[in-house]
Amino acid sequence: MRTRRFSAAQIISILREAERGERTIGEICRAPGVSEQSLYRWRQK
């Protein structure tokens, strides 16, 4: 079984950065190596 790659604190910080809207979603996802789909899935939760 695959372990989690990002902690809850890391996910929250990525989502908060996306909410600020200072950079595009693509730029935000590229830095930590997260797919855009993962970001949208986290946002739904």
C-alpha atoms as a PDB file:
ATOM      1  CA  MET A   1       0.000   0.000   0.000  1.00  0.00           C
ATOM      2  CA  ARG A   2       1.287   3.462  -0.877  1.00  0.00           C
ATOM      3  CA  THR A   3       2.149   5.810   1.934  1.00  0.00           C
ATOM      4  CA  ARG A   4       1.092   9.446   1.947  1.00  0.00           C
ATOM      5  CA  ARG A   5       3.528  11.760   0.289  1.00  0.00           C
ATOM      6  CA  PHE A   6       2.376  15.027   1.837  1.00  0.00           C
ATOM      7  CA  SER A   7       1.455  15.708   5.448  1.00  0.00           C
ATOM      8  CA  ALA A   8      -1.776  17.457   6.346  1.00  0.00           C
ATOM      9  CA  ALA A   9       0.136  20.642   7.164  1.00  0.00           C
ATOM     10  CA  GLN A  10       1.805  20.645   3.746  1.00  0.00           C
ATOM     11  CA  ILE A  11      -1.527  20.127   1.973  1.00  0.00           C
ATOM     12  CA  ILE A  12      -3.112  22.990   3.900  1.00  0.00           C
ATOM     13  CA  SER A  13      -0.251  25.348   3.089  1.00  0.00           C
ATOM     14  CA  ILE A  14      -0.492  24.479  -0.630  1.00  0.00           C
ATOM     15  CA  LEU A  15      -4.263  25.047  -0.615  1.00  0.00           C
ATOM     16  CA  ARG A  16      -3.922  28.384   1.190  1.00  0.00           C
ATOM     17  CA  GLU A  17      -1.359  29.519  -1.346  1.00  0.00           C
ATOM     18  CA  ALA A  18      -3.793  28.588  -4.130  1.00  0.00           C
ATOM     19  CA  GLU A  19      -6.599  30.559  -2.433  1.00  0.00           C
ATOM     20  CA  ARG A  20      -4.489  33.721  -2.375  1.00  0.00           C
ATOM     21  CA  GLY A  21      -4.423  33.720  -6.173  1.00  0.00           C
ATOM     22  CA  GLU A  22      -1.006  35.347  -6.470  1.00  0.00           C
ATOM     23  CA  ARG A  23       0.251  32.616  -8.834  1.00  0.00           C
ATOM     24  CA  THR A  24      -1.445  30.264 -11.258  1.00  0.00           C
ATOM     25  CA  ILE A  25      -2.514  26.777 -10.195  1.00  0.00           C
ATOM     26  CA  GLY A  26       0.087  25.286 -12.530  1.00  0.00           C
ATOM     27  CA  GLU A  27       2.906  27.236 -10.890  1.00  0.00           C
ATOM     28  CA  ILE A  28       1.719  26.327  -7.409  1.00  0.00           C
ATOM     29  CA  CYS A  29       1.565  22.623  -8.267  1.00  0.00           C
ATOM     30  CA  ARG A  30       4.901  22.523 -10.060  1.00  0.00           C
ATOM     31  CA  ALA A  31       7.010  23.602  -7.061  1.00  0.00           C
ATOM     32  CA  PRO A  32       6.191  20.719  -4.660  1.00  0.00           C
ATOM     33  CA  GLY A  33       5.546  18.235  -7.486  1.00  0.00           C
ATOM     34  CA  VAL A  34       1.790  17.908  -7.056  1.00  0.00           C
ATOM     35  CA  SER A  35      -0.536  17.234  -9.969  1.00  0.00           C
ATOM     36  CA  GLU A  36      -3.313  19.735 -10.558  1.00  0.00           C
ATOM     37  CA  GLN A  37      -5.846  16.931 -10.133  1.00  0.00           C
ATOM     38  CA  SER A  38      -4.517  16.237  -6.628  1.00  0.00           C
ATOM     39  CA  LEU A  39      -4.880  19.897  -5.715  1.00  0.00           C
ATOM     40  CA  TYR A  40      -8.502  19.959  -6.878  1.00  0.00           C
ATOM     41  CA  ARG A  41      -9.203  16.701  -5.018  1.00  0.00           C
ATOM     42  CA  TRP A  42      -7.727  18.133  -1.804  1.00  0.00           C
ATOM     43  CA  ARG A  43      -9.799  21.279  -2.269  1.00  0.00           C
ATOM     44  CA  GLN A  44     -12.993  19.208  -2.519  1.00  0.00           C
ATOM     45  CA  LYS A  45     -12.296  17.498   0.811  1.00  0.00           C
END
